[in-house]
Amino acid sequence: MAGYYDIVLGLIPVALLGITAALTVVGIPLTTAVPVSALVAIGVIGHAMFVNAPIDSSEETPATHPTINSD
Protein backbone atom coordinates (compact mmCIF):
# COMPACT_ATOMS: atom_id res chain seq x y z
CA MET A 1 0.00 0.00 0.00
CA ALA A 2 1.32 3.41 -0.93
CA GLY A 3 2.03 5.76 1.94
CA TYR A 4 1.65 9.51 2.05
CA TYR A 5 5.20 10.23 0.94
CA ASP A 6 4.95 7.75 -1.94
CA ILE A 7 1.92 9.66 -3.16
CA VAL A 8 3.76 12.96 -2.78
CA LEU A 9 6.67 11.65 -4.83
CA GLY A 10 4.22 10.60 -7.53
CA LEU A 11 2.36 13.92 -7.50
CA ILE A 12 5.45 16.03 -8.15
CA PRO A 13 5.97 14.93 -11.78
CA VAL A 14 2.21 14.71 -12.32
CA ALA A 15 1.91 18.34 -11.27
CA LEU A 16 4.85 19.46 -13.39
CA LEU A 17 3.96 17.54 -16.54
CA GLY A 18 0.21 17.06 -16.26
CA ILE A 19 -0.77 20.57 -15.27
CA THR A 20 1.63 22.06 -17.81
CA ALA A 21 0.11 19.91 -20.56
CA ALA A 22 -3.45 20.67 -19.46
CA LEU A 23 -2.85 24.41 -19.33
CA THR A 24 -1.12 24.34 -22.72
CA VAL A 25 -4.06 22.48 -24.27
CA VAL A 26 -6.46 25.05 -22.85
CA GLY A 27 -4.48 27.78 -24.60
CA ILE A 28 -2.23 29.21 -21.91
CA PRO A 29 1.30 29.84 -23.22
CA LEU A 30 4.01 27.40 -22.17
CA THR A 31 5.98 30.19 -20.52
CA THR A 32 3.06 30.73 -18.15
CA ALA A 33 1.97 27.10 -17.75
CA VAL A 34 5.36 25.86 -16.50
CA PRO A 35 5.65 28.33 -13.59
CA VAL A 36 2.04 27.70 -12.57
CA SER A 37 2.59 23.95 -12.47
CA ALA A 38 5.89 24.45 -10.65
CA LEU A 39 4.06 26.43 -7.96
CA VAL A 40 1.65 23.52 -7.50
CA ALA A 41 4.59 21.09 -7.21
CA ILE A 42 6.28 23.39 -4.69
CA GLY A 43 3.03 23.47 -2.72
CA VAL A 44 2.91 19.68 -2.62
CA ILE A 45 6.53 19.52 -1.47
CA GLY A 46 5.95 22.24 1.13
CA HIS A 47 2.94 20.40 2.51
CA ALA A 48 4.95 17.21 2.85
CA MET A 49 7.85 19.00 4.55
CA PHE A 50 6.12 21.45 6.87
CA VAL A 51 2.42 20.61 7.33
CA ASN A 52 2.64 16.83 7.44
CA ALA A 53 6.29 16.53 8.39
CA PRO A 54 7.84 13.12 8.88
CA ILE A 55 8.56 12.17 12.47
CA ASP A 56 11.45 10.17 13.81
CA SER A 57 10.03 6.90 15.09
CA SER A 58 13.03 6.32 17.35
CA GLU A 59 12.10 9.22 19.62
CA GLU A 60 10.48 8.08 22.83
CA THR A 61 7.15 9.60 23.69
CA PRO A 62 6.11 10.13 27.31
CA ALA A 63 3.65 7.25 27.01
CA THR A 64 6.36 4.76 26.02
CA HIS A 65 9.13 6.09 28.27
CA PRO A 66 9.27 4.21 31.58
CA THR A 67 9.09 6.41 34.62
CA ILE A 68 11.15 5.87 37.73
CA ASN A 69 9.20 5.56 40.94
CA SER A 70 10.75 7.21 43.96
CA ASP A 71 8.80 5.05 46.44
PDB file of N, CA and C in Angstrom:
ATOM      1  N   MET A   1       0.843  -1.173   0.000  1.00  0.00           N
ATOM      2  CA  MET A   1       0.000   0.000   0.000  1.00  0.00           C
ATOM      3  C   MET A   1       0.892   1.242   0.000  1.00  0.00           C
ATOM      4  N   ALA A   2       0.530   2.188  -0.804  1.00  0.00           N
ATOM      5  CA  ALA A   2       1.320   3.410  -0.933  1.00  0.00           C
ATOM      6  C   ALA A   2       1.059   4.323   0.258  1.00  0.00           C
ATOM      7  N   GLY A   3       2.144   4.824   0.830  1.00  0.00           N
ATOM      8  CA  GLY A   3       2.035   5.756   1.935  1.00  0.00           C
ATOM      9  C   GLY A   3       1.925   7.185   1.436  1.00  0.00           C
ATOM     10  N   TYR A   4       1.811   8.093   2.380  1.00  0.00           N
ATOM     11  CA  TYR A   4       1.649   9.509   2.049  1.00  0.00           C
ATOM     12  C   TYR A   4       2.825  10.032   1.227  1.00  0.00           C
ATOM     13  N   TYR A   5       4.025   9.689   1.628  1.00  0.00           N
ATOM     14  CA  TYR A   5       5.198  10.226   0.942  1.00  0.00           C
ATOM     15  C   TYR A   5       5.413   9.577  -0.415  1.00  0.00           C
ATOM     16  N   ASP A   6       4.940   8.354  -0.608  1.00  0.00           N
ATOM     17  CA  ASP A   6       4.951   7.748  -1.939  1.00  0.00           C
ATOM     18  C   ASP A   6       4.023   8.505  -2.879  1.00  0.00           C
ATOM     19  N   ILE A   7       2.880   8.899  -2.359  1.00  0.00           N
ATOM     20  CA  ILE A   7       1.919   9.659  -3.161  1.00  0.00           C
ATOM     21  C   ILE A   7       2.493  11.032  -3.500  1.00  0.00           C
ATOM     22  N   VAL A   8       3.148  11.656  -2.528  1.00  0.00           N
ATOM     23  CA  VAL A   8       3.760  12.964  -2.778  1.00  0.00           C
ATOM     24  C   VAL A   8       4.811  12.859  -3.875  1.00  0.00           C
ATOM     25  N   LEU A   9       5.652  11.829  -3.801  1.00  0.00           N
ATOM     26  CA  LEU A   9       6.674  11.648  -4.828  1.00  0.00           C
ATOM     27  C   LEU A   9       6.058  11.413  -6.203  1.00  0.00           C
ATOM     28  N   GLY A  10       4.902  10.798  -6.255  1.00  0.00           N
ATOM     29  CA  GLY A  10       4.216  10.600  -7.526  1.00  0.00           C
ATOM     30  C   GLY A  10       3.534  11.861  -8.027  1.00  0.00           C
ATOM     31  N   LEU A  11       3.077  12.702  -7.100  1.00  0.00           N
ATOM     32  CA  LEU A  11       2.362  13.918  -7.498  1.00  0.00           C
ATOM     33  C   LEU A  11       3.276  15.002  -8.045  1.00  0.00           C
ATOM     34  N   ILE A  12       4.532  14.981  -7.681  1.00  0.00           N
ATOM     35  CA  ILE A  12       5.449  16.034  -8.148  1.00  0.00           C
ATOM     36  C   ILE A  12       5.573  16.027  -9.673  1.00  0.00           C
ATOM     37  N   PRO A  13       5.922  14.895 -10.315  1.00  0.00           N
ATOM     38  CA  PRO A  13       5.973  14.932 -11.785  1.00  0.00           C
ATOM     39  C   PRO A  13       4.598  15.070 -12.435  1.00  0.00           C
ATOM     40  N   VAL A  14       3.559  14.549 -11.770  1.00  0.00           N
ATOM     41  CA  VAL A  14       2.211  14.714 -12.323  1.00  0.00           C
ATOM     42  C   VAL A  14       1.850  16.187 -12.356  1.00  0.00           C
ATOM     43  N   ALA A  15       2.190  16.909 -11.293  1.00  0.00           N
ATOM     44  CA  ALA A  15       1.907  18.341 -11.266  1.00  0.00           C
ATOM     45  C   ALA A  15       2.717  19.072 -12.330  1.00  0.00           C
ATOM     46  N   LEU A  16       4.002  18.747 -12.427  1.00  0.00           N
ATOM     47  CA  LEU A  16       4.845  19.457 -13.392  1.00  0.00           C
ATOM     48  C   LEU A  16       4.437  19.169 -14.835  1.00  0.00           C
ATOM     49  N   LEU A  17       4.262  17.905 -15.156  1.00  0.00           N
ATOM     50  CA  LEU A  17       3.959  17.540 -16.544  1.00  0.00           C
ATOM     51  C   LEU A  17       2.470  17.646 -16.870  1.00  0.00           C
ATOM     52  N   GLY A  18       1.647  17.107 -15.993  1.00  0.00           N
ATOM     53  CA  GLY A  18       0.214  17.059 -16.265  1.00  0.00           C
ATOM     54  C   GLY A  18      -0.443  18.420 -16.301  1.00  0.00           C
ATOM     55  N   ILE A  19      -0.149  19.242 -15.308  1.00  0.00           N
ATOM     56  CA  ILE A  19      -0.765  20.566 -15.272  1.00  0.00           C
ATOM     57  C   ILE A  19      -0.221  21.437 -16.397  1.00  0.00           C
ATOM     58  N   THR A  20       1.065  21.315 -16.688  1.00  0.00           N
ATOM     59  CA  THR A  20       1.633  22.062 -17.814  1.00  0.00           C
ATOM     60  C   THR A  20       0.939  21.670 -19.112  1.00  0.00           C
ATOM     61  N   ALA A  21       0.773  20.371 -19.332  1.00  0.00           N
ATOM     62  CA  ALA A  21       0.107  19.912 -20.561  1.00  0.00           C
ATOM     63  C   ALA A  21      -1.342  20.374 -20.614  1.00  0.00           C
ATOM     64  N   ALA A  22      -2.038  20.267 -19.488  1.00  0.00           N
ATOM     65  CA  ALA A  22      -3.446  20.666 -19.465  1.00  0.00           C
ATOM     66  C   ALA A  22      -3.606  22.162 -19.731  1.00  0.00           C
ATOM     67  N   LEU A  23      -2.755  22.964 -19.108  1.00  0.00           N
ATOM     68  CA  LEU A  23      -2.849  24.409 -19.330  1.00  0.00           C
ATOM     69  C   LEU A  23      -2.459  24.790 -20.753  1.00  0.00           C
ATOM     70  N   THR A  24      -1.519  24.068 -21.338  1.00  0.00           N
ATOM     71  CA  THR A  24      -1.119  24.336 -22.720  1.00  0.00           C
ATOM     72  C   THR A  24      -2.246  23.985 -23.683  1.00  0.00           C
ATOM     73  N   VAL A  25      -2.936  22.880 -23.414  1.00  0.00           N
ATOM     74  CA  VAL A  25      -4.056  22.479 -24.270  1.00  0.00           C
ATOM     75  C   VAL A  25      -5.189  23.494 -24.191  1.00  0.00           C
ATOM     76  N   VAL A  26      -5.395  24.055 -23.026  1.00  0.00           N
ATOM     77  CA  VAL A  26      -6.456  25.053 -22.850  1.00  0.00           C
ATOM     78  C   VAL A  26      -6.132  26.344 -23.595  1.00  0.00           C
ATOM     79  N   GLY A  27      -4.851  26.606 -23.833  1.00  0.00           N
ATOM     80  CA  GLY A  27      -4.478  27.785 -24.599  1.00  0.00           C
ATOM     81  C   GLY A  27      -3.558  28.738 -23.861  1.00  0.00           C
ATOM     82  N   ILE A  28      -3.160  28.373 -22.664  1.00  0.00           N
ATOM     83  CA  ILE A  28      -2.233  29.214 -21.907  1.00  0.00           C
ATOM     84  C   ILE A  28      -0.828  28.965 -22.451  1.00  0.00           C
ATOM     85  N   PRO A  29      -0.056  30.023 -22.670  1.00  0.00           N
ATOM     86  CA  PRO A  29       1.302  29.840 -23.217  1.00  0.00           C
ATOM     87  C   PRO A  29       2.180  28.984 -22.298  1.00  0.00           C
ATOM     88  N   LEU A  30       3.120  28.299 -22.912  1.00  0.00           N
ATOM     89  CA  LEU A  30       4.012  27.400 -22.174  1.00  0.00           C
ATOM     90  C   LEU A  30       4.829  28.164 -21.133  1.00  0.00           C
ATOM     91  N   THR A  31       5.185  29.406 -21.458  1.00  0.00           N
ATOM     92  CA  THR A  31       5.985  30.194 -20.517  1.00  0.00           C
ATOM     93  C   THR A  31       5.191  30.591 -19.272  1.00  0.00           C
ATOM     94  N   THR A  32       3.892  30.485 -19.322  1.00  0.00           N
ATOM     95  CA  THR A  32       3.056  30.725 -18.153  1.00  0.00           C
ATOM     96  C   THR A  32       2.661  29.417 -17.484  1.00  0.00           C
ATOM     97  N   ALA A  33       2.439  28.385 -18.283  1.00  0.00           N
ATOM     98  CA  ALA A  33       1.973  27.098 -17.745  1.00  0.00           C
ATOM     99  C   ALA A  33       3.031  26.416 -16.884  1.00  0.00           C
ATOM    100  N   VAL A  34       4.289  26.515 -17.264  1.00  0.00           N
ATOM    101  CA  VAL A  34       5.357  25.863 -16.500  1.00  0.00           C
ATOM    102  C   VAL A  34       5.497  26.465 -15.100  1.00  0.00           C
ATOM    103  N   PRO A  35       5.563  27.795 -14.955  1.00  0.00           N
ATOM    104  CA  PRO A  35       5.648  28.334 -13.590  1.00  0.00           C
ATOM    105  C   PRO A  35       4.418  28.036 -12.727  1.00  0.00           C
ATOM    106  N   VAL A  36       3.250  28.014 -13.335  1.00  0.00           N
ATOM    107  CA  VAL A  36       2.038  27.700 -12.572  1.00  0.00           C
ATOM    108  C   VAL A  36       2.108  26.265 -12.059  1.00  0.00           C
ATOM    109  N   SER A  37       2.495  25.340 -12.915  1.00  0.00           N
ATOM    110  CA  SER A  37       2.589  23.945 -12.474  1.00  0.00           C
ATOM    111  C   SER A  37       3.726  23.758 -11.476  1.00  0.00           C
ATOM    112  N   ALA A  38       4.791  24.524 -11.613  1.00  0.00           N
ATOM    113  CA  ALA A  38       5.894  24.451 -10.650  1.00  0.00           C
ATOM    114  C   ALA A  38       5.438  24.938  -9.279  1.00  0.00           C
ATOM    115  N   LEU A  39       4.598  25.958  -9.241  1.00  0.00           N
ATOM    116  CA  LEU A  39       4.063  26.431  -7.960  1.00  0.00           C
ATOM    117  C   LEU A  39       3.215  25.360  -7.282  1.00  0.00           C
ATOM    118  N   VAL A  40       2.446  24.619  -8.066  1.00  0.00           N
ATOM    119  CA  VAL A  40       1.655  23.521  -7.500  1.00  0.00           C
ATOM    120  C   VAL A  40       2.586  22.444  -6.945  1.00  0.00           C
ATOM    121  N   ALA A  41       3.630  22.097  -7.683  1.00  0.00           N
ATOM    122  CA  ALA A  41       4.586  21.093  -7.213  1.00  0.00           C
ATOM    123  C   ALA A  41       5.292  21.563  -5.948  1.00  0.00           C
ATOM    124  N   ILE A  42       5.653  22.842  -5.891  1.00  0.00           N
ATOM    125  CA  ILE A  42       6.279  23.394  -4.688  1.00  0.00           C
ATOM    126  C   ILE A  42       5.304  23.334  -3.514  1.00  0.00           C
ATOM    127  N   GLY A  43       4.047  23.577  -3.773  1.00  0.00           N
ATOM    128  CA  GLY A  43       3.028  23.474  -2.719  1.00  0.00           C
ATOM    129  C   GLY A  43       2.905  22.064  -2.176  1.00  0.00           C
ATOM    130  N   VAL A  44       2.968  21.077  -3.053  1.00  0.00           N
ATOM    131  CA  VAL A  44       2.910  19.675  -2.617  1.00  0.00           C
ATOM    132  C   VAL A  44       4.141  19.338  -1.773  1.00  0.00           C
ATOM    133  N   ILE A  45       5.302  19.774  -2.218  1.00  0.00           N
ATOM    134  CA  ILE A  45       6.535  19.520  -1.471  1.00  0.00           C
ATOM    135  C   ILE A  45       6.498  20.236  -0.120  1.00  0.00           C
ATOM    136  N   GLY A  46       6.044  21.479  -0.117  1.00  0.00           N
ATOM    137  CA  GLY A  46       5.947  22.238   1.130  1.00  0.00           C
ATOM    138  C   GLY A  46       4.993  21.606   2.116  1.00  0.00           C
ATOM    139  N   HIS A  47       3.886  21.083   1.619  1.00  0.00           N
ATOM    140  CA  HIS A  47       2.940  20.404   2.505  1.00  0.00           C
ATOM    141  C   HIS A  47       3.583  19.174   3.128  1.00  0.00           C
ATOM    142  N   ALA A  48       4.318  18.424   2.331  1.00  0.00           N
ATOM    143  CA  ALA A  48       4.953  17.205   2.847  1.00  0.00           C
ATOM    144  C   ALA A  48       6.064  17.531   3.835  1.00  0.00           C
ATOM    145  N   MET A  49       6.728  18.669   3.672  1.00  0.00           N
ATOM    146  CA  MET A  49       7.846  19.003   4.553  1.00  0.00           C
ATOM    147  C   MET A  49       7.412  19.707   5.830  1.00  0.00           C
ATOM    148  N   PHE A  50       6.421  20.582   5.740  1.00  0.00           N
ATOM    149  CA  PHE A  50       6.116  21.450   6.874  1.00  0.00           C
ATOM    150  C   PHE A  50       4.764  21.175   7.525  1.00  0.00           C
ATOM    151  N   VAL A  51       3.745  20.848   6.750  1.00  0.00           N
ATOM    152  CA  VAL A  51       2.424  20.614   7.331  1.00  0.00           C
ATOM    153  C   VAL A  51       2.307  19.192   7.847  1.00  0.00           C
ATOM    154  N   ASN A  52       2.715  18.243   7.047  1.00  0.00           N
ATOM    155  CA  ASN A  52       2.644  16.833   7.436  1.00  0.00           C
ATOM    156  C   ASN A  52       4.068  16.280   7.478  1.00  0.00           C
ATOM    157  N   ALA A  53       4.871  16.862   8.336  1.00  0.00           N
ATOM    158  CA  ALA A  53       6.290  16.528   8.391  1.00  0.00           C
ATOM    159  C   ALA A  53       6.513  15.110   8.906  1.00  0.00           C
ATOM    160  N   PRO A  54       7.529  14.463   8.378  1.00  0.00           N
ATOM    161  CA  PRO A  54       7.840  13.125   8.883  1.00  0.00           C
ATOM    162  C   PRO A  54       8.377  13.217  10.311  1.00  0.00           C
ATOM    163  N   ILE A  55       8.073  12.200  11.096  1.00  0.00           N
ATOM    164  CA  ILE A  55       8.557  12.173  12.470  1.00  0.00           C
ATOM    165  C   ILE A  55       9.551  11.040  12.616  1.00  0.00           C
ATOM    166  N   ASP A  56      10.453  11.194  13.545  1.00  0.00           N
ATOM    167  CA  ASP A  56      11.452  10.170  13.811  1.00  0.00           C
ATOM    168  C   ASP A  56      10.834   9.145  14.747  1.00  0.00           C
ATOM    169  N   SER A  57      10.691   7.928  14.289  1.00  0.00           N
ATOM    170  CA  SER A  57      10.027   6.902  15.086  1.00  0.00           C
ATOM    171  C   SER A  57      10.888   6.419  16.240  1.00  0.00           C
ATOM    172  N   SER A  58      12.174   6.779  16.275  1.00  0.00           N
ATOM    173  CA  SER A  58      13.035   6.320  17.351  1.00  0.00           C
ATOM    174  C   SER A  58      12.917   7.203  18.596  1.00  0.00           C
ATOM    175  N   GLU A  59      12.287   8.361  18.458  1.00  0.00           N
ATOM    176  CA  GLU A  59      12.099   9.216  19.624  1.00  0.00           C
ATOM    177  C   GLU A  59      11.093   8.583  20.574  1.00  0.00           C
ATOM    178  N   GLU A  60      11.392   8.647  21.849  1.00  0.00           N
ATOM    179  CA  GLU A  60      10.482   8.085  22.833  1.00  0.00           C
ATOM    180  C   GLU A  60       9.459   9.127  23.228  1.00  0.00           C
ATOM    181  N   THR A  61       8.216   8.719  23.250  1.00  0.00           N
ATOM    182  CA  THR A  61       7.154   9.596  23.695  1.00  0.00           C
ATOM    183  C   THR A  61       6.948   9.378  25.185  1.00  0.00           C
ATOM    184  N   PRO A  62       6.327  10.314  25.864  1.00  0.00           N
ATOM    185  CA  PRO A  62       6.109  10.129  27.306  1.00  0.00           C
ATOM    186  C   PRO A  62       5.307   8.873  27.639  1.00  0.00           C
ATOM    187  N   ALA A  63       4.447   8.434  26.738  1.00  0.00           N
ATOM    188  CA  ALA A  63       3.645   7.246  27.012  1.00  0.00           C
ATOM    189  C   ALA A  63       4.488   5.975  26.951  1.00  0.00           C
ATOM    190  N   THR A  64       5.544   5.969  26.156  1.00  0.00           N
ATOM    191  CA  THR A  64       6.364   4.763  26.024  1.00  0.00           C
ATOM    192  C   THR A  64       7.606   4.799  26.891  1.00  0.00           C
ATOM    193  N   HIS A  65       7.917   5.967  27.454  1.00  0.00           N
ATOM    194  CA  HIS A  65       9.130   6.093  28.267  1.00  0.00           C
ATOM    195  C   HIS A  65       8.807   5.637  29.693  1.00  0.00           C
ATOM    196  N   PRO A  66       9.553   4.669  30.207  1.00  0.00           N
ATOM    197  CA  PRO A  66       9.274   4.210  31.578  1.00  0.00           C
ATOM    198  C   PRO A  66       9.649   5.290  32.592  1.00  0.00           C
ATOM    199  N   THR A  67       8.812   5.427  33.574  1.00  0.00           N
ATOM    200  CA  THR A  67       9.092   6.408  34.620  1.00  0.00           C
ATOM    201  C   THR A  67       9.715   5.701  35.819  1.00  0.00           C
ATOM    202  N   ILE A  68      10.480   6.422  36.563  1.00  0.00           N
ATOM    203  CA  ILE A  68      11.147   5.870  37.729  1.00  0.00           C
ATOM    204  C   ILE A  68      10.348   6.271  38.952  1.00  0.00           C
ATOM    205  N   ASN A  69       9.938   5.291  39.714  1.00  0.00           N
ATOM    206  CA  ASN A  69       9.204   5.561  40.936  1.00  0.00           C
ATOM    207  C   ASN A  69      10.179   5.866  42.061  1.00  0.00           C
ATOM    208  N   SER A  70       9.885   6.866  42.844  1.00  0.00           N
ATOM    209  CA  SER A  70      10.750   7.207  43.962  1.00  0.00           C
ATOM    210  C   SER A  70      10.237   6.637  45.273  1.00  0.00           C
ATOM    211  N   ASP A  71       9.342   5.665  45.213  1.00  0.00           N
ATOM    212  CA  ASP A  71       8.796   5.053  46.437  1.00  0.00           C
ATOM    213  C   ASP A  71       9.802   4.193  47.120  1.00  0.00           C
TER     214      ASP A  71
END
